[in-house]
């Protein structure tokens, strides 16, 4: 492996690592231009890496075209990020126009090897450091150079203007200069410093590292902006944020009304020791000494000394968080008037009342569910042959639904899936209407007894209808009735009680049918021993399309292993 190949490999890995770090620290308020920069640099670096591995001119040209994705657009998005961080707006039509120019430049690079508009010629040669593509540039490459120069100059002017006007942290401006200058310098001067190798990807990675630092710092401002300007914009509430070194990060409009000196305060400037800012420092220092000492009073006197114009603010100091990380201090000012206190009390009362109602509603629902489950268990206890049946079939339904959701055979909502699983234990509630002599018979039914037993499906739907008559959850009520009513219907129409055919049978009942029959096959009954899994599988598979929904065939096959594992564990 040549030296340049090794270096380009390392540079690519570092660029990817920086991109991963950016993803880790990504904040939803980050400018999209940052994301584009961290996307384009690895793409450009992989192009250079592929170029170092090239053995033919054709391979080298393809690698160069990949590298120029970054070369053509990176400077543009760096310029966009400069304008955004310097709070200089760019009109949409200008943005669009610049993007079109860069797109045309990149389109020209794609003609390399087929047309002379970008490269008049290209040959691959080997130097002491590795392979190098020798190019003779065309007219569009000259335009490409011109675009880069223009972007560099515009970016430097914008940063100089912001430095002079103090519209943004000078620390951020200083960091922005580094990638801008390095990228420009290496692009035009790198070949003279190290003529046999292109050092542009190294500059890209350095720029990417600097942008990581910028993103980390800007994240503080975004947190402040989110907390101060977005999360709570209420009249009478002011917010001031500072980092751990008492450097000012930001404030909302209300805070600037309370403390007018903040209007001329630049981001990242330390809090001074004038009367108002010294008090803020005092609040922070007291909080640092004892986190429990975080409540203070700040009085703003009226212009004419009129007590009626006086405003009293309760001041609270806390940590400024970025996710779970402490990044500084947040000072909150709340207008402490009687009216606001009254509103606060009403809001608190409403919240407490809402919470209490929700808690009691939840308790009632739990009691209702427990009552229904107890009824299902009571009905099951009357049947000598189905001990544990409702628990097993409920688990079977859950396994089948999990597989349906995984495979996408049916598009089921989470609420529907939850309702079917919850309704599964209720599928045999209708047996409460079956005579004990039939239900507890230790053997096979006569034809007449079987007809009596078949009544349990329709009776179960009636019982559930009465139990859930006044429920607020109408969706669950329908699902539960369908599961009980139609779980003995057959896909070919030969089932009971209504002889429904195919998709006229509700899907929840079709799912229940598979779980119900599977449990009957692998479980011991008074009239038969439990079938082994192979025999049960053979019967289930033979019933697909006749007894069961054929669409559930693949679902059952994929869930079979989990079903067998479950039944083995409970045996």
Protein backbone atom coordinates (compact mmCIF):
# COMPACT_ATOMS: atom_id res chain seq x y z
CA UNK A 1 0.00 0.00 0.00
CA UNK A 2 1.41 3.41 -1.02
CA UNK A 3 1.81 6.25 1.43
CA UNK A 4 -0.92 8.37 -0.14
CA UNK A 5 -3.31 5.40 -0.17
CA UNK A 6 -2.68 4.87 3.54
CA UNK A 7 -3.18 8.55 4.30
CA UNK A 8 -6.39 8.78 2.28
CA UNK A 9 -7.74 5.65 4.03
CA UNK A 10 -7.03 7.21 7.43
CA UNK A 11 -8.50 10.54 6.37
CA UNK A 12 -11.70 8.83 5.22
CA UNK A 13 -12.02 6.94 8.52
CA UNK A 14 -11.50 10.16 10.49
CA UNK A 15 -14.13 11.94 8.38
CA UNK A 16 -16.62 9.17 9.08
CA UNK A 17 -15.76 9.28 12.80
CA UNK A 18 -16.39 13.04 12.87
CA UNK A 19 -19.71 12.51 11.09
CA UNK A 20 -20.69 9.88 13.67
CA UNK A 21 -19.76 12.25 16.49
CA UNK A 22 -21.91 14.93 14.86
CA UNK A 23 -24.85 12.53 14.69
CA UNK A 24 -24.35 11.72 18.37
CA UNK A 25 -24.40 15.37 19.42
CA UNK A 26 -27.01 16.39 16.84
CA UNK A 27 -29.65 18.80 18.07
CA UNK A 28 -32.96 19.39 16.33
CA UNK A 29 -32.21 23.12 16.12
CA UNK A 30 -29.01 22.60 14.15
CA UNK A 31 -28.85 24.33 10.80
CA UNK A 32 -29.29 21.91 7.89
CA UNK A 33 -26.10 23.33 6.37
CA UNK A 34 -24.10 21.71 9.19
CA UNK A 35 -25.64 18.36 8.35
CA UNK A 36 -24.78 18.82 4.67
CA UNK A 37 -21.16 19.67 5.53
CA UNK A 38 -20.79 16.52 7.64
CA UNK A 39 -22.36 14.52 4.81
CA UNK A 40 -20.33 15.96 1.94
CA UNK A 41 -16.89 15.70 3.56
CA UNK A 42 -16.98 11.87 3.98
CA UNK A 43 -18.29 11.59 0.41
CA UNK A 44 -15.40 13.71 -0.89
CA UNK A 45 -12.91 11.73 1.20
CA UNK A 46 -14.17 8.40 -0.10
CA UNK A 47 -13.66 9.78 -3.61
CA UNK A 48 -10.03 10.57 -2.86
CA UNK A 49 -9.60 7.15 -1.23
CA UNK A 50 -10.98 5.44 -4.31
CA UNK A 51 -8.69 7.57 -6.47
CA UNK A 52 -5.68 6.30 -4.53
CA UNK A 53 -6.81 2.73 -5.20
CA UNK A 54 -7.41 3.33 -8.93
CA UNK A 55 -5.48 1.32 -11.51
CA UNK A 56 -6.96 2.81 -14.69
CA UNK A 57 -7.85 6.28 -15.90
CA UNK A 58 -11.53 5.28 -16.02
CA UNK A 59 -11.50 4.26 -12.34
CA UNK A 60 -9.63 7.44 -11.43
CA UNK A 61 -12.20 9.60 -13.24
CA UNK A 62 -15.10 7.90 -11.46
CA UNK A 63 -13.36 8.45 -8.10
CA UNK A 64 -12.70 12.10 -9.03
CA UNK A 65 -16.38 12.63 -9.84
CA UNK A 66 -17.30 11.29 -6.41
CA UNK A 67 -14.74 13.60 -4.77
CA UNK A 68 -16.17 16.56 -6.68
CA UNK A 69 -19.56 16.02 -5.05
CA UNK A 70 -17.88 17.51 -2.01
CA UNK A 71 -15.69 19.88 -4.02
CA UNK A 72 -18.63 21.31 -5.93
CA UNK A 73 -21.06 21.77 -3.04
CA UNK A 74 -19.01 21.92 0.17
CA UNK A 75 -17.89 25.52 -0.28
CA UNK A 76 -21.51 26.52 -0.96
CA UNK A 77 -22.84 24.97 2.25
CA UNK A 78 -19.90 26.40 4.21
CA UNK A 79 -20.92 29.82 2.88
CA UNK A 80 -24.56 29.18 3.85
CA UNK A 81 -23.46 28.18 7.37
CA UNK A 82 -21.38 31.36 7.69
CA UNK A 83 -24.35 33.53 6.75
CA UNK A 84 -26.65 31.60 9.08
CA UNK A 85 -24.32 31.78 12.09
CA UNK A 86 -23.66 35.47 11.41
CA UNK A 87 -27.43 36.09 11.28
CA UNK A 88 -27.23 37.48 7.74
CA UNK A 89 -30.33 36.46 5.76
CA UNK A 90 -30.04 35.20 2.18
CA UNK A 91 -33.02 35.57 -0.12
CA UNK A 92 -34.47 32.31 -1.38
CA UNK A 93 -33.90 33.16 -5.03
CA UNK A 94 -30.23 33.83 -4.30
CA UNK A 95 -29.90 30.50 -2.51
CA UNK A 96 -31.57 28.75 -5.41
CA UNK A 97 -29.39 30.54 -7.94
CA UNK A 98 -26.16 29.65 -6.16
CA UNK A 99 -27.25 26.03 -5.89
CA UNK A 100 -28.01 25.91 -9.60
CA UNK A 101 -24.55 27.31 -10.39
CA UNK A 102 -22.89 24.62 -8.29
CA UNK A 103 -25.11 21.95 -9.77
CA UNK A 104 -24.04 23.03 -13.27
CA UNK A 105 -20.40 22.94 -12.22
CA UNK A 106 -20.82 19.43 -10.89
CA UNK A 107 -22.69 18.41 -14.02
CA UNK A 108 -19.64 19.56 -15.95
CA UNK A 109 -17.41 17.25 -13.88
CA UNK A 110 -19.54 14.32 -14.98
CA UNK A 111 -18.44 14.95 -18.57
CA UNK A 112 -14.82 14.18 -17.70
CA UNK A 113 -13.59 11.41 -19.97
CA UNK A 114 -16.32 12.08 -22.53
CA UNK A 115 -16.00 15.82 -23.20
CA UNK A 116 -13.32 18.51 -22.88
CA UNK A 117 -15.51 21.05 -21.08
CA UNK A 118 -14.08 20.18 -17.63
CA UNK A 119 -10.94 18.13 -18.34
CA UNK A 120 -9.34 18.41 -21.76
CA UNK A 121 -7.29 15.31 -21.01
CA UNK A 122 -6.47 13.03 -18.07
CA UNK A 123 -3.71 10.46 -17.57
CA UNK A 124 -2.91 8.27 -14.60
CA UNK A 125 0.68 8.22 -13.39
CA UNK A 126 2.49 6.74 -10.41
CA UNK A 127 4.63 8.91 -8.13
CA UNK A 128 6.76 7.98 -5.15
CA UNK A 129 3.71 8.53 -2.94
CA UNK A 130 1.14 6.66 -5.07
CA UNK A 131 -1.05 7.17 -8.11
CA UNK A 132 -1.91 10.66 -9.36
CA UNK A 133 -4.33 11.83 -12.03
CA UNK A 134 -2.66 14.38 -14.33
CA UNK A 135 -5.30 16.69 -15.77
CA UNK A 136 -5.45 19.40 -18.38
CA UNK A 137 -8.25 21.70 -17.31
CA UNK A 138 -11.11 22.92 -19.47
CA UNK A 139 -13.20 26.08 -19.31
CA UNK A 140 -15.68 24.80 -16.69
CA UNK A 141 -12.83 23.99 -14.33
CA UNK A 142 -11.75 27.62 -14.57
CA UNK A 143 -15.30 28.64 -13.72
CA UNK A 144 -15.17 26.19 -10.81
CA UNK A 145 -12.05 27.98 -9.51
CA UNK A 146 -13.78 31.32 -9.91
CA UNK A 147 -16.82 30.13 -7.92
CA UNK A 148 -14.60 28.97 -5.06
CA UNK A 149 -12.75 32.30 -4.99
CA UNK A 150 -16.02 34.25 -4.97
CA UNK A 151 -17.46 32.13 -2.15
CA UNK A 152 -14.28 32.54 -0.12
CA UNK A 153 -14.27 36.31 -0.49
CA UNK A 154 -17.99 36.63 0.32
CA UNK A 155 -17.58 34.42 3.37
CA UNK A 156 -14.63 36.41 4.69
CA UNK A 157 -16.49 39.70 4.16
CA UNK A 158 -19.55 38.35 6.02
CA UNK A 159 -17.40 37.20 8.95
CA UNK A 160 -15.55 40.52 9.03
CA UNK A 161 -18.84 42.41 9.09
CA UNK A 162 -20.19 40.26 11.93
CA UNK A 163 -16.94 40.64 13.86
CA UNK A 164 -17.20 44.40 13.58
CA UNK A 165 -20.92 44.58 14.42
CA UNK A 166 -20.65 41.96 17.20
CA UNK A 167 -23.82 40.29 15.93
CA UNK A 168 -22.46 36.88 16.87
CA UNK A 169 -19.90 35.41 19.22
CA UNK A 170 -16.41 36.36 18.06
CA UNK A 171 -15.21 32.95 19.22
CA UNK A 172 -17.52 31.32 16.68
CA UNK A 173 -16.38 33.73 13.94
CA UNK A 174 -12.76 32.92 14.70
CA UNK A 175 -13.50 29.21 14.42
CA UNK A 176 -15.41 29.75 11.16
CA UNK A 177 -12.39 31.44 9.61
CA UNK A 178 -10.24 28.33 10.10
CA UNK A 179 -12.08 25.87 7.79
CA UNK A 180 -12.78 28.60 5.27
CA UNK A 181 -9.11 29.61 4.99
CA UNK A 182 -7.68 26.09 5.20
CA UNK A 183 -9.98 24.71 2.50
CA UNK A 184 -9.26 27.64 0.19
CA UNK A 185 -5.50 27.62 0.79
CA UNK A 186 -5.03 23.88 0.31
CA UNK A 187 -7.20 23.87 -2.79
CA UNK A 188 -5.05 26.47 -4.55
CA UNK A 189 -1.68 26.23 -2.80
CA UNK A 190 -1.52 22.57 -1.73
CA UNK A 191 -0.15 21.40 -5.06
CA UNK A 192 2.81 23.76 -4.70
CA UNK A 193 3.60 22.60 -1.18
CA UNK A 194 3.23 18.88 -1.95
CA UNK A 195 3.06 18.64 -5.70
CA UNK A 196 2.89 14.87 -5.98
CA UNK A 197 -0.18 14.44 -3.78
CA UNK A 198 -3.44 16.28 -3.21
CA UNK A 199 -3.82 17.47 0.41
CA UNK A 200 -7.39 18.72 -0.02
CA UNK A 201 -8.98 15.76 1.84
CA UNK A 202 -6.69 16.45 4.80
CA UNK A 203 -7.95 20.04 4.83
CA UNK A 204 -11.52 18.77 4.63
CA UNK A 205 -11.03 16.64 7.74
CA UNK A 206 -9.44 19.53 9.63
CA UNK A 207 -12.40 21.68 8.63
CA UNK A 208 -14.76 18.93 9.77
CA UNK A 209 -13.08 18.83 13.18
CA UNK A 210 -13.41 22.59 13.55
CA UNK A 211 -17.08 22.38 12.59
CA UNK A 212 -17.56 19.81 15.34
CA UNK A 213 -16.27 22.37 17.84
CA UNK A 214 -18.51 25.02 16.31
CA UNK A 215 -21.52 22.69 16.53
CA UNK A 216 -20.73 21.96 20.17
CA UNK A 217 -20.58 25.65 20.98
CA UNK A 218 -23.59 26.61 18.90
CA UNK A 219 -25.52 23.87 20.69
CA UNK A 220 -25.40 26.05 23.79
CA UNK A 221 -27.04 28.88 21.91
CA UNK A 222 -29.65 26.53 20.50
CA UNK A 223 -30.49 25.20 23.95
CA UNK A 224 -30.84 28.74 25.18
CA UNK A 225 -32.97 29.67 22.20
CA UNK A 226 -35.17 26.63 22.71
CA UNK A 227 -35.64 27.16 26.41
CA UNK A 228 -35.91 30.93 26.31
CA UNK A 229 -37.58 31.78 23.03
CA UNK A 230 -39.53 28.65 22.13
CA UNK A 231 -40.52 26.48 25.08
CA UNK A 232 -42.04 29.15 27.31
CA UNK A 233 -43.00 32.48 25.79
CA UNK A 234 -45.40 33.77 28.40
CA UNK A 235 -45.99 37.40 29.32
CA UNK A 236 -44.34 38.24 32.60
CA UNK A 237 -41.73 35.49 32.43
CA UNK A 238 -38.13 36.34 31.60
CA UNK A 239 -35.20 34.00 31.01
CA UNK A 240 -31.46 34.61 31.01
CA UNK A 241 -28.92 31.89 30.27
CA UNK A 242 -25.19 31.84 31.05
CA UNK A 243 -22.49 29.22 30.77
CA UNK A 244 -20.50 27.97 33.77
CA UNK A 245 -18.04 30.87 33.41
CA UNK A 246 -20.82 33.47 33.68
CA UNK A 247 -20.64 34.28 29.97
CA UNK A 248 -23.92 35.55 28.59
CA UNK A 249 -25.65 33.14 26.17
CA UNK A 250 -29.04 34.70 25.56
CA UNK A 251 -32.31 36.02 26.92
CA UNK A 252 -35.89 36.51 25.86
CA UNK A 253 -37.65 39.81 25.23
CA UNK A 254 -39.23 39.91 28.69
CA UNK A 255 -35.85 39.54 30.38
CA UNK A 256 -34.48 42.41 28.30
CA UNK A 257 -37.41 44.57 29.41
CA UNK A 258 -36.67 43.73 33.03
CA UNK A 259 -32.92 44.34 32.59
CA UNK A 260 -32.46 46.78 29.66
CA UNK A 261 -28.65 46.45 29.78
CA UNK A 262 -29.02 42.97 28.24
CA UNK A 263 -30.19 44.52 24.94
CA UNK A 264 -26.64 45.68 24.18
CA UNK A 265 -24.98 42.54 25.57
CA UNK A 266 -23.17 40.36 23.01
CA UNK A 267 -23.25 36.60 23.19
CA UNK A 268 -20.22 35.11 24.99
CA UNK A 269 -19.41 38.37 26.81
CA UNK A 270 -18.92 37.90 30.56
CA UNK A 271 -21.41 39.43 32.96
CA UNK A 272 -20.05 42.73 34.22
CA UNK A 273 -20.02 44.10 37.75
CA UNK A 274 -22.45 46.98 37.18
CA UNK A 275 -25.43 47.06 39.57
CA UNK A 276 -27.86 44.93 37.52
CA UNK A 277 -25.42 42.35 36.12
CA UNK A 278 -23.69 42.07 39.49
CA UNK A 279 -27.01 40.94 40.99
CA UNK A 280 -27.29 38.18 38.37
CA UNK A 281 -23.76 37.11 39.23
CA UNK A 282 -24.78 37.09 42.91
CA UNK A 283 -27.74 34.81 42.15
CA UNK A 284 -25.47 32.40 40.27
CA UNK A 285 -22.72 32.41 42.93
CA UNK A 286 -25.29 31.76 45.67
CA UNK A 287 -26.75 28.89 43.68
CA UNK A 288 -23.26 27.45 43.11
CA UNK A 289 -22.62 27.54 46.86
CA UNK A 290 -25.92 25.88 47.73
CA UNK A 291 -28.29 24.51 45.07
CA UNK A 292 -31.17 24.80 47.54
CA UNK A 293 -30.65 28.57 47.73
CA UNK A 294 -32.15 29.29 44.34
CA UNK A 295 -35.03 31.69 45.04
CA UNK A 296 -34.64 35.46 45.13
CA UNK A 297 -36.65 38.67 44.68
CA UNK A 298 -35.95 41.31 42.04
CA UNK A 299 -37.76 44.65 42.19
CA UNK A 300 -38.16 46.97 39.20
CA UNK A 301 -39.25 50.47 40.24
CA UNK A 302 -41.46 52.66 38.06
CA UNK A 303 -40.01 55.55 36.10
CA UNK A 304 -41.71 58.12 38.35
CA UNK A 305 -41.24 56.20 41.59
CA UNK A 306 -44.97 55.39 41.67
CA UNK A 307 -45.52 52.24 43.78
CA UNK A 308 -48.35 51.25 41.42
CA UNK A 309 -45.81 50.95 38.60
CA UNK A 310 -43.49 48.81 40.69
CA UNK A 311 -43.01 45.20 39.58
CA UNK A 312 -41.79 42.43 41.85
CA UNK A 313 -40.29 39.35 40.26
CA UNK A 314 -39.57 36.04 41.86
CA UNK A 315 -36.17 34.90 40.61
CA UNK A 316 -35.23 31.22 40.35
CA UNK A 317 -31.81 29.88 39.39
CA UNK A 318 -31.33 26.40 37.97
CA UNK A 319 -29.14 24.46 35.60
CA UNK A 320 -29.35 24.86 31.84
CA UNK A 321 -29.65 21.38 30.35
CA UNK A 322 -28.76 19.98 26.95
CA UNK A 323 -30.53 16.64 27.12
CA UNK A 324 -29.22 15.19 30.39
CA UNK A 325 -26.05 17.30 30.41
CA UNK A 326 -25.64 20.45 32.48
CA UNK A 327 -24.31 23.20 30.24
CA UNK A 328 -24.76 26.38 32.30
CA UNK A 329 -27.29 28.31 34.35
CA UNK A 330 -30.85 29.45 33.66
CA UNK A 331 -32.18 32.44 35.58
CA UNK A 332 -35.96 32.80 35.53
CA UNK A 333 -37.94 35.96 36.36
CA UNK A 334 -41.66 35.55 37.10
CA UNK A 335 -44.00 38.51 37.57
CA UNK A 336 -45.39 37.92 41.06
CA UNK A 337 -48.75 39.70 40.91
CA UNK A 338 -51.92 38.56 42.65
CA UNK A 339 -53.60 37.90 39.32
CA UNK A 340 -50.78 35.64 38.16
CA UNK A 341 -50.82 33.83 41.48
CA UNK A 342 -54.54 33.25 41.07
CA UNK A 343 -54.10 31.89 37.54
CA UNK A 344 -51.29 29.66 38.75
CA UNK A 345 -53.52 28.25 41.49
CA UNK A 346 -56.35 27.60 39.02
CA UNK A 347 -53.98 25.87 36.61
CA UNK A 348 -52.57 23.75 39.40
CA UNK A 349 -56.04 22.83 40.59
CA UNK A 350 -57.08 21.83 37.07
CA UNK A 351 -53.94 19.77 36.58
CA UNK A 352 -54.43 18.00 39.91
CA UNK A 353 -58.09 17.37 39.12
CA UNK A 354 -57.26 16.01 35.68
CA UNK A 355 -54.61 13.75 37.14
CA UNK A 356 -57.02 12.50 39.80
CA UNK A 357 -59.74 11.79 37.21
CA UNK A 358 -57.27 9.94 34.98
CA UNK A 359 -56.07 7.87 37.90
CA UNK A 360 -59.59 6.92 38.95
CA UNK A 361 -60.60 6.15 35.35
CA UNK A 362 -57.57 3.90 35.03
CA UNK A 363 -58.54 2.16 38.26
CA UNK A 364 -62.10 1.62 37.04
CA UNK A 365 -60.87 0.17 33.74
CA UNK A 366 -58.54 -2.18 35.61
CA UNK A 367 -61.40 -3.31 37.86
CA UNK A 368 -63.59 -3.88 34.80
CA UNK A 369 -60.89 -5.89 33.04
CA UNK A 370 -60.28 -7.96 36.15
CA UNK A 371 -64.00 -8.63 36.47
CA UNK A 372 -64.23 -9.83 32.86
CA UNK A 373 -61.13 -12.01 33.30
CA UNK A 374 -62.55 -13.49 36.50
CA UNK A 375 -65.78 -14.32 34.66
CA UNK A 376 -63.77 -16.00 31.88
CA UNK A 377 -61.83 -18.07 34.45
CA UNK A 378 -65.08 -19.00 36.21
CA UNK A 379 -66.59 -20.20 32.93
CA UNK A 380 -63.44 -22.15 32.14
CA UNK A 381 -63.54 -23.85 35.53
CA UNK A 382 -66.90 -25.42 34.57
CA UNK A 383 -65.29 -27.17 31.59
CA UNK A 384 -63.34 -30.31 32.47
CA UNK A 385 -61.47 -30.27 29.18
CA UNK A 386 -60.14 -26.75 28.86
CA UNK A 387 -58.15 -25.97 31.99
CA UNK A 388 -55.71 -23.14 31.19
CA UNK A 389 -57.17 -22.83 27.70
CA UNK A 390 -57.83 -19.07 27.86
CA UNK A 391 -54.32 -18.31 29.03
CA UNK A 392 -52.71 -20.48 26.37
CA UNK A 393 -54.87 -19.20 23.51
CA UNK A 394 -54.23 -15.61 24.59
CA UNK A 395 -50.50 -16.21 24.29
CA UNK A 396 -51.04 -17.92 20.96
CA UNK A 397 -52.95 -14.90 19.66
CA UNK A 398 -50.17 -12.60 20.82
CA UNK A 399 -47.52 -14.69 19.01
CA UNK A 400 -49.56 -14.72 15.79
CA UNK A 401 -50.21 -10.96 15.93
CA UNK A 402 -46.53 -10.26 16.50
CA UNK A 403 -45.74 -12.24 13.35
CA UNK A 404 -48.52 -10.49 11.37
CA UNK A 405 -47.04 -7.12 12.28
CA UNK A 406 -43.55 -8.30 11.41
CA UNK A 407 -44.52 -9.76 8.04
CA UNK A 408 -47.08 -7.11 7.09
CA UNK A 409 -49.69 -9.64 5.92
CA UNK A 410 -52.36 -7.37 7.37
CA UNK A 411 -52.01 -3.70 8.28
CA UNK A 412 -53.18 -3.69 11.88
CA UNK A 413 -53.13 -0.67 14.16
CA UNK A 414 -51.45 -0.97 17.59
CA UNK A 415 -54.83 -0.31 19.22
CA UNK A 416 -56.49 -3.12 17.23
CA UNK A 417 -53.69 -5.57 18.12
CA UNK A 418 -53.99 -4.68 21.79
CA UNK A 419 -57.77 -5.13 21.66
CA UNK A 420 -57.55 -8.58 20.03
CA UNK A 421 -55.06 -9.83 22.62
CA UNK A 422 -57.21 -8.36 25.40
CA UNK A 423 -60.37 -9.96 23.94
CA UNK A 424 -58.85 -13.42 23.47
CA UNK A 425 -59.62 -14.66 27.02
CA UNK A 426 -63.30 -13.81 26.43
CA UNK A 427 -63.78 -15.99 23.35
CA UNK A 428 -65.51 -18.86 25.24
CA UNK A 429 -67.65 -16.76 27.61
CA UNK A 430 -70.75 -18.14 25.86
CA UNK A 431 -70.19 -21.52 27.55
CA UNK A 432 -71.85 -19.97 30.59
CA UNK A 433 -75.13 -20.64 28.74
CA UNK A 434 -74.31 -24.31 28.08
CA UNK A 435 -75.73 -26.93 30.43
CA UNK A 436 -73.22 -28.35 32.92
CA UNK A 437 -74.13 -31.90 31.91
CA UNK A 438 -72.95 -31.19 28.39
CA UNK A 439 -70.05 -28.94 29.29
CA UNK A 440 -68.60 -31.41 31.80
CA UNK A 441 -69.35 -34.60 29.85
CA UNK A 442 -66.28 -36.90 30.02
CA UNK A 443 -66.38 -37.96 26.38
CA UNK A 444 -67.50 -37.05 22.89
CA UNK A 445 -70.79 -35.24 22.34
CA UNK A 446 -73.81 -36.69 20.62
CA UNK A 447 -75.12 -34.76 17.63
CA UNK A 448 -77.75 -33.13 19.80
CA UNK A 449 -75.22 -32.23 22.49
CA UNK A 450 -72.89 -30.83 19.87
CA UNK A 451 -75.64 -28.57 18.56
CA UNK A 452 -76.16 -27.31 22.11
CA UNK A 453 -72.42 -26.71 22.50
CA UNK A 454 -72.27 -24.73 19.25
CA UNK A 455 -74.65 -22.20 20.78
CA UNK A 456 -71.80 -20.87 22.93
CA UNK A 457 -70.39 -18.74 20.09
CA UNK A 458 -73.50 -16.64 19.56
CA UNK A 459 -74.30 -16.64 23.29
CA UNK A 460 -70.78 -15.39 24.02
CA UNK A 461 -71.30 -12.39 21.75
CA UNK A 462 -74.53 -11.59 23.59
CA UNK A 463 -72.86 -11.86 27.00
CA UNK A 464 -70.01 -9.59 25.95
CA UNK A 465 -72.45 -7.14 24.41
CA UNK A 466 -74.23 -6.82 27.76
CA UNK A 467 -71.02 -6.62 29.79
CA UNK A 468 -69.54 -3.90 27.58
CA UNK A 469 -72.84 -2.15 26.86
CA UNK A 470 -71.83 1.17 28.43
CA UNK A 471 -68.12 1.07 27.72
CA UNK A 472 -66.46 4.13 26.18
CA UNK A 473 -64.19 1.90 24.12
CA UNK A 474 -66.53 0.99 21.28
CA UNK A 475 -63.66 -0.43 19.18
CA UNK A 476 -62.76 -2.97 21.84
CA UNK A 477 -66.40 -3.91 22.29
CA UNK A 478 -66.75 -4.76 18.58
CA UNK A 479 -63.52 -6.76 18.54
CA UNK A 480 -64.46 -8.74 21.66
CA UNK A 481 -67.94 -9.56 20.29
CA UNK A 482 -66.47 -10.65 16.95
CA UNK A 483 -63.85 -12.88 18.59
CA UNK A 484 -66.50 -14.67 20.65
CA UNK A 485 -69.12 -14.82 17.89
CA UNK A 486 -67.07 -15.94 14.90
CA UNK A 487 -64.02 -17.86 16.15
CA UNK A 488 -65.66 -21.16 15.00
CA UNK A 489 -66.44 -19.90 11.50
CA UNK A 490 -64.52 -21.64 8.68
CA UNK A 491 -62.99 -19.89 5.69
CA UNK A 492 -64.89 -22.16 3.28
CA UNK A 493 -68.25 -21.26 4.92
CA UNK A 494 -68.84 -24.59 6.69
CA UNK A 495 -68.35 -23.21 10.19
CA UNK A 496 -70.81 -21.94 12.78
CA UNK A 497 -72.90 -20.15 13.94
CA UNK A 498 -73.56 -18.09 10.77
CA UNK A 499 -71.63 -19.95 8.07
CA UNK A 500 -69.68 -16.86 7.04
CA UNK A 501 -67.32 -17.26 4.07
CA UNK A 502 -63.77 -15.95 3.52
CA UNK A 503 -63.08 -12.34 4.39
CA UNK A 504 -66.64 -11.86 5.62
CA UNK A 505 -65.27 -13.41 8.79
CA UNK A 506 -63.70 -10.61 10.87
CA UNK A 507 -59.91 -10.83 10.85
CA UNK A 508 -59.77 -10.93 14.64
CA UNK A 509 -61.91 -14.10 14.61
CA UNK A 510 -59.72 -15.67 11.89
CA UNK A 511 -56.65 -15.11 14.07
CA UNK A 512 -58.45 -16.47 17.13
CA UNK A 513 -59.49 -19.59 15.21
CA UNK A 514 -55.90 -20.62 14.52
CA UNK A 515 -54.82 -20.12 18.13
CA UNK A 516 -57.94 -21.89 19.45
CA UNK A 517 -57.60 -24.99 17.24
CA UNK A 518 -53.84 -25.22 17.75
CA UNK A 519 -54.32 -25.30 21.53
CA UNK A 520 -57.05 -27.94 21.23
CA UNK A 521 -54.72 -30.14 19.18
CA UNK A 522 -51.60 -29.97 21.37
CA UNK A 523 -53.51 -30.10 24.67
CA UNK A 524 -54.97 -33.14 26.39
CA UNK A 525 -58.76 -33.42 26.39
CA UNK A 526 -61.04 -35.94 28.10
CA UNK A 527 -61.77 -37.52 24.73
CA UNK A 528 -58.17 -37.55 23.40
CA UNK A 529 -54.52 -37.32 24.29
CA UNK A 530 -52.45 -34.31 23.25
CA UNK A 531 -51.15 -34.52 19.68
CA UNK A 532 -47.46 -34.03 19.12
CA UNK A 533 -46.37 -30.85 17.36
CA UNK A 534 -45.81 -32.56 14.03
CA UNK A 535 -49.34 -33.99 13.95
CA UNK A 536 -50.85 -30.67 15.06
CA UNK A 537 -48.84 -28.83 12.41
CA UNK A 538 -50.06 -31.24 9.73
CA UNK A 539 -53.68 -30.64 10.69
CA UNK A 540 -53.30 -26.85 10.84
CA UNK A 541 -51.52 -26.71 7.49
CA UNK A 542 -54.12 -28.96 5.83
CA UNK A 543 -56.83 -26.58 7.06
CA UNK A 544 -55.32 -23.50 5.46
CA UNK A 545 -57.76 -22.30 2.82
CA UNK A 546 -60.62 -24.44 4.08
CA UNK A 547 -60.88 -24.00 7.82
CA UNK A 548 -58.42 -21.15 8.19
CA UNK A 549 -57.61 -17.94 6.32
CA UNK A 550 -54.93 -18.88 3.71
CA UNK A 551 -53.29 -15.50 4.25
CA UNK A 552 -52.36 -16.72 7.73
CA UNK A 553 -50.47 -19.73 6.38
CA UNK A 554 -47.12 -17.94 6.18
CA UNK A 555 -47.84 -16.23 9.49
CA UNK A 556 -48.43 -19.57 11.19
CA UNK A 557 -45.35 -21.13 9.59
CA UNK A 558 -43.14 -18.30 10.81
CA UNK A 559 -44.72 -18.35 14.29
CA UNK A 560 -44.69 -22.15 14.62
CA UNK A 561 -41.32 -22.30 16.36
CA UNK A 562 -42.40 -19.74 19.00
CA UNK A 563 -45.70 -21.56 19.55
CA UNK A 564 -43.93 -24.89 20.06
CA UNK A 565 -41.41 -23.28 22.40
CA UNK A 566 -44.21 -21.74 24.47
CA UNK A 567 -46.09 -25.02 24.82
CA UNK A 568 -42.91 -26.93 25.68
CA UNK A 569 -42.20 -24.47 28.48
CA UNK A 570 -45.63 -24.87 30.09
CA UNK A 571 -45.79 -28.66 29.85
